[in-house]
PDB file of N, CA and C in Angstrom:
ATOM      1  N   MET A   1    -137.692 -29.181 110.204  1.00  0.00           N
ATOM      2  CA  MET A   1    -136.918 -27.858 110.824  1.00  0.00           C
ATOM      3  C   MET A   1    -135.548 -27.609 110.090  1.00  0.00           C
ATOM      4  N   SER A   2    -134.941 -26.693 109.653  1.00  0.00           N
ATOM      5  CA  SER A   2    -133.692 -26.527 109.398  1.00  0.00           C
ATOM      6  C   SER A   2    -133.074 -25.210 109.712  1.00  0.00           C
ATOM      7  N   PHE A   3    -131.870 -25.133 109.650  1.00  0.00           N
ATOM      8  CA  PHE A   3    -131.309 -23.638 110.140  1.00  0.00           C
ATOM      9  C   PHE A   3    -130.222 -23.519 109.286  1.00  0.00           C
ATOM     10  N   HIS A   4    -129.746 -22.166 109.273  1.00  0.00           N
ATOM     11  CA  HIS A   4    -128.663 -21.804 108.602  1.00  0.00           C
ATOM     12  C   HIS A   4    -127.608 -20.862 109.022  1.00  0.00           C
ATOM     13  N   PHE A   5    -126.230 -20.644 108.873  1.00  0.00           N
ATOM     14  CA  PHE A   5    -125.459 -19.839 109.394  1.00  0.00           C
ATOM     15  C   PHE A   5    -125.397 -18.466 108.652  1.00  0.00           C
ATOM     16  N   THR A   6    -125.523 -17.479 109.019  1.00  0.00           N
ATOM     17  CA  THR A   6    -125.355 -16.207 108.322  1.00  0.00           C
ATOM     18  C   THR A   6    -124.265 -15.391 108.992  1.00  0.00           C
ATOM     19  N   ASP A   7    -123.651 -14.437 108.115  1.00  0.00           N
ATOM     20  CA  ASP A   7    -122.731 -13.768 108.679  1.00  0.00           C
ATOM     21  C   ASP A   7    -123.313 -12.310 109.317  1.00  0.00           C
ATOM     22  N   PRO A   8    -122.855 -12.297 110.759  1.00  0.00           N
ATOM     23  CA  PRO A   8    -123.692 -11.341 111.305  1.00  0.00           C
ATOM     24  C   PRO A   8    -123.032  -9.951 110.828  1.00  0.00           C
ATOM     25  N   LYS A   9    -121.858  -9.835 110.410  1.00  0.00           N
ATOM     26  CA  LYS A   9    -121.272  -8.497 110.064  1.00  0.00           C
ATOM     27  C   LYS A   9    -122.104  -7.910 108.869  1.00  0.00           C
ATOM     28  N   GLN A  10    -122.693  -8.755 108.115  1.00  0.00           N
ATOM     29  CA  GLN A  10    -123.125  -8.213 107.043  1.00  0.00           C
ATOM     30  C   GLN A  10    -124.606  -7.540 106.939  1.00  0.00           C
ATOM     31  N   ASN A  11    -125.427  -8.075 108.026  1.00  0.00           N
ATOM     32  CA  ASN A  11    -126.747  -7.647 108.081  1.00  0.00           C
ATOM     33  C   ASN A  11    -127.460  -7.745 109.482  1.00  0.00           C
ATOM     34  N   ASN A  12    -126.717  -7.543 110.652  1.00  0.00           N
ATOM     35  CA  ASN A  12    -127.196  -7.515 111.792  1.00  0.00           C
ATOM     36  C   ASN A  12    -128.393  -8.596 112.271  1.00  0.00           C
ATOM     37  N   GLU A  13    -128.430  -9.725 111.260  1.00  0.00           N
ATOM     38  CA  GLU A  13    -128.986 -10.993 111.687  1.00  0.00           C
ATOM     39  C   GLU A  13    -128.375 -11.553 112.885  1.00  0.00           C
ATOM     40  N   PRO A  14    -129.147 -12.570 113.584  1.00  0.00           N
ATOM     41  CA  PRO A  14    -128.503 -13.455 114.381  1.00  0.00           C
ATOM     42  C   PRO A  14    -127.516 -14.406 113.648  1.00  0.00           C
ATOM     43  N   PRO A  15    -126.510 -14.936 114.444  1.00  0.00           N
ATOM     44  CA  PRO A  15    -125.567 -15.787 113.747  1.00  0.00           C
ATOM     45  C   PRO A  15    -126.192 -16.954 113.057  1.00  0.00           C
ATOM     46  N   PHE A  16    -127.153 -17.373 113.552  1.00  0.00           N
ATOM     47  CA  PHE A  16    -127.900 -18.493 112.577  1.00  0.00           C
ATOM     48  C   PHE A  16    -129.555 -18.396 112.739  1.00  0.00           C
ATOM     49  N   THR A  17    -130.350 -18.890 112.104  1.00  0.00           N
ATOM     50  CA  THR A  17    -131.834 -18.962 112.041  1.00  0.00           C
ATOM     51  C   THR A  17    -132.434 -20.352 112.135  1.00  0.00           C
ATOM     52  N   PHE A  18    -133.558 -20.312 112.646  1.00  0.00           N
ATOM     53  CA  PHE A  18    -134.326 -21.687 112.326  1.00  0.00           C
ATOM     54  C   PHE A  18    -135.645 -21.211 111.658  1.00  0.00           C
ATOM     55  N   THR A  19    -135.746 -22.361 110.868  1.00  0.00           N
ATOM     56  CA  THR A  19    -137.290 -22.287 110.301  1.00  0.00           C
ATOM     57  C   THR A  19    -137.943 -23.598 110.677  1.00  0.00           C
ATOM     58  N   GLY A  20    -139.190 -23.431 110.664  1.00  0.00           N
ATOM     59  CA  GLY A  20    -140.081 -24.465 110.746  1.00  0.00           C
ATOM     60  C   GLY A  20    -141.395 -24.548 110.223  1.00  0.00           C
ATOM     61  N   PRO A  21    -142.182 -25.613 110.248  1.00  0.00           N
ATOM     62  CA  PRO A  21    -143.606 -25.412 109.906  1.00  0.00           C
ATOM     63  C   PRO A  21    -144.574 -24.887 111.158  1.00  0.00           C
ATOM     64  N   ASN A  22    -144.178 -24.741 112.240  1.00  0.00           N
ATOM     65  CA  ASN A  22    -144.958 -24.380 113.263  1.00  0.00           C
ATOM     66  C   ASN A  22    -143.945 -23.792 114.240  1.00  0.00           C
ATOM     67  N   PRO A  23    -144.263 -22.547 114.584  1.00  0.00           N
ATOM     68  CA  PRO A  23    -143.338 -21.656 115.593  1.00  0.00           C
ATOM     69  C   PRO A  23    -143.628 -22.560 116.915  1.00  0.00           C
ATOM     70  N   ALA A  24    -144.724 -22.821 117.421  1.00  0.00           N
ATOM     71  CA  ALA A  24    -144.934 -23.580 118.781  1.00  0.00           C
ATOM     72  C   ALA A  24    -143.942 -24.929 118.824  1.00  0.00           C
ATOM     73  N   ASP A  25    -143.581 -25.718 117.633  1.00  0.00           N
ATOM     74  CA  ASP A  25    -142.721 -26.590 117.664  1.00  0.00           C
ATOM     75  C   ASP A  25    -141.484 -26.258 117.727  1.00  0.00           C
ATOM     76  N   LEU A  26    -141.132 -25.078 117.164  1.00  0.00           N
ATOM     77  CA  LEU A  26    -139.744 -24.605 117.406  1.00  0.00           C
ATOM     78  C   LEU A  26    -139.566 -24.156 118.895  1.00  0.00           C
ATOM     79  N   GLU A  27    -140.397 -23.571 119.313  1.00  0.00           N
ATOM     80  CA  GLU A  27    -140.123 -23.087 120.847  1.00  0.00           C
ATOM     81  C   GLU A  27    -139.886 -24.473 121.762  1.00  0.00           C
ATOM     82  N   GLU A  28    -140.756 -25.464 121.496  1.00  0.00           N
ATOM     83  CA  GLU A  28    -140.591 -26.728 122.089  1.00  0.00           C
ATOM     84  C   GLU A  28    -139.293 -27.151 122.112  1.00  0.00           C
ATOM     85  N   GLN A  29    -138.728 -27.200 120.700  1.00  0.00           N
ATOM     86  CA  GLN A  29    -137.465 -27.669 120.584  1.00  0.00           C
ATOM     87  C   GLN A  29    -136.252 -27.138 121.001  1.00  0.00           C
ATOM     88  N   LEU A  30    -136.460 -25.559 120.905  1.00  0.00           N
ATOM     89  CA  LEU A  30    -135.424 -25.051 121.558  1.00  0.00           C
ATOM     90  C   LEU A  30    -135.569 -25.020 123.097  1.00  0.00           C
ATOM     91  N   GLN A  31    -136.405 -25.347 123.735  1.00  0.00           N
ATOM     92  CA  GLN A  31    -136.641 -25.414 125.174  1.00  0.00           C
ATOM     93  C   GLN A  31    -135.890 -26.913 125.482  1.00  0.00           C
ATOM     94  N   MET A  32    -136.272 -27.809 124.781  1.00  0.00           N
ATOM     95  CA  MET A  32    -135.462 -29.115 124.689  1.00  0.00           C
ATOM     96  C   MET A  32    -133.875 -28.859 124.737  1.00  0.00           C
ATOM     97  N   ILE A  33    -133.537 -28.086 123.709  1.00  0.00           N
ATOM     98  CA  ILE A  33    -132.140 -28.008 123.589  1.00  0.00           C
ATOM     99  C   ILE A  33    -131.604 -27.384 124.670  1.00  0.00           C
ATOM    100  N   ASN A  34    -132.069 -26.463 125.351  1.00  0.00           N
ATOM    101  CA  ASN A  34    -131.869 -25.511 126.430  1.00  0.00           C
ATOM    102  C   ASN A  34    -131.854 -26.420 127.827  1.00  0.00           C
ATOM    103  N   ASP A  35    -132.583 -27.545 127.786  1.00  0.00           N
ATOM    104  CA  ASP A  35    -132.684 -28.378 129.043  1.00  0.00           C
ATOM    105  C   ASP A  35    -131.597 -29.106 128.973  1.00  0.00           C
ATOM    106  N   LEU A  36    -131.314 -29.765 127.720  1.00  0.00           N
ATOM    107  CA  LEU A  36    -130.361 -30.791 127.645  1.00  0.00           C
ATOM    108  C   LEU A  36    -128.891 -30.116 127.948  1.00  0.00           C
ATOM    109  N   ALA A  37    -128.845 -28.869 127.341  1.00  0.00           N
ATOM    110  CA  ALA A  37    -127.397 -28.278 127.491  1.00  0.00           C
ATOM    111  C   ALA A  37    -127.149 -28.193 129.199  1.00  0.00           C
ATOM    112  N   HIS A  38    -128.455 -27.744 129.727  1.00  0.00           N
ATOM    113  CA  HIS A  38    -128.100 -27.565 131.290  1.00  0.00           C
ATOM    114  C   HIS A  38    -127.783 -28.778 131.827  1.00  0.00           C
ATOM    115  N   GLU A  39    -128.372 -29.953 131.375  1.00  0.00           N
ATOM    116  CA  GLU A  39    -128.049 -31.464 132.058  1.00  0.00           C
ATOM    117  C   GLU A  39    -126.644 -31.700 131.629  1.00  0.00           C
ATOM    118  N   ILE A  40    -126.221 -31.384 130.472  1.00  0.00           N
ATOM    119  CA  ILE A  40    -124.730 -31.807 130.185  1.00  0.00           C
ATOM    120  C   ILE A  40    -124.043 -30.742 131.033  1.00  0.00           C
ATOM    121  N   LEU A  41    -124.171 -29.514 131.201  1.00  0.00           N
ATOM    122  CA  LEU A  41    -123.325 -28.815 132.124  1.00  0.00           C
ATOM    123  C   LEU A  41    -123.335 -29.528 133.511  1.00  0.00           C
ATOM    124  N   ARG A  42    -124.581 -29.806 133.966  1.00  0.00           N
ATOM    125  CA  ARG A  42    -124.457 -30.399 135.513  1.00  0.00           C
ATOM    126  C   ARG A  42    -123.725 -31.756 135.531  1.00  0.00           C
ATOM    127  N   LEU A  43    -123.556 -32.666 134.489  1.00  0.00           N
ATOM    128  CA  LEU A  43    -122.886 -33.803 134.485  1.00  0.00           C
ATOM    129  C   LEU A  43    -121.371 -33.400 134.258  1.00  0.00           C
ATOM    130  N   VAL A  44    -121.228 -32.475 133.704  1.00  0.00           N
ATOM    131  CA  VAL A  44    -119.821 -32.038 133.513  1.00  0.00           C
ATOM    132  C   VAL A  44    -119.330 -31.681 134.708  1.00  0.00           C
ATOM    133  N   ALA A  45    -119.995 -30.880 135.389  1.00  0.00           N
ATOM    134  CA  ALA A  45    -119.660 -30.364 136.863  1.00  0.00           C
ATOM    135  C   ALA A  45    -119.484 -31.584 137.818  1.00  0.00           C
ATOM    136  N   ASP A  46    -120.210 -32.635 137.651  1.00  0.00           N
ATOM    137  CA  ASP A  46    -120.046 -33.936 138.473  1.00  0.00           C
ATOM    138  C   ASP A  46    -119.006 -34.652 138.217  1.00  0.00           C
ATOM    139  N   VAL A  47    -118.605 -34.639 137.010  1.00  0.00           N
ATOM    140  CA  VAL A  47    -117.407 -35.471 136.660  1.00  0.00           C
ATOM    141  C   VAL A  47    -116.318 -34.810 137.203  1.00  0.00           C
ATOM    142  N   ARG A  48    -116.314 -33.427 137.014  1.00  0.00           N
ATOM    143  CA  ARG A  48    -114.947 -32.570 137.486  1.00  0.00           C
ATOM    144  C   ARG A  48    -114.709 -32.713 139.136  1.00  0.00           C
ATOM    145  N   ARG A  49    -116.069 -32.836 139.690  1.00  0.00           N
ATOM    146  CA  ARG A  49    -115.793 -32.907 141.083  1.00  0.00           C
ATOM    147  C   ARG A  49    -115.232 -34.497 141.480  1.00  0.00           C
ATOM    148  N   GLN A  50    -115.740 -35.384 140.776  1.00  0.00           N
ATOM    149  CA  GLN A  50    -115.271 -36.590 141.059  1.00  0.00           C
ATOM    150  C   GLN A  50    -113.616 -36.794 140.707  1.00  0.00           C
ATOM    151  N   ILE A  51    -113.349 -36.045 139.889  1.00  0.00           N
ATOM    152  CA  ILE A  51    -111.838 -36.188 139.344  1.00  0.00           C
ATOM    153  C   ILE A  51    -110.958 -35.333 140.262  1.00  0.00           C
ATOM    154  N   ASN A  52    -111.452 -34.139 140.755  1.00  0.00           N
ATOM    155  CA  ASN A  52    -110.716 -33.299 141.738  1.00  0.00           C
ATOM    156  C   ASN A  52    -110.935 -33.612 143.327  1.00  0.00           C
ATOM    157  N   GLY A  53    -111.729 -34.689 143.466  1.00  0.00           N
ATOM    158  CA  GLY A  53    -112.225 -34.971 144.748  1.00  0.00           C
ATOM    159  C   GLY A  53    -111.837 -36.376 145.353  1.00  0.00           C
TER     160      GLY A  53
END
């Protein structure tokens, strides 16, 4: 899988695009990235609570 950045002002494309051999694999990888991002945000909130509490 690869991705590249584009200038959205030039052509209304998204700021980046993904390409890969199988769209189903791409969806799975994007879901994994989404899940990891949510876990990171949860952990950051936990650390903030520990620091402030």
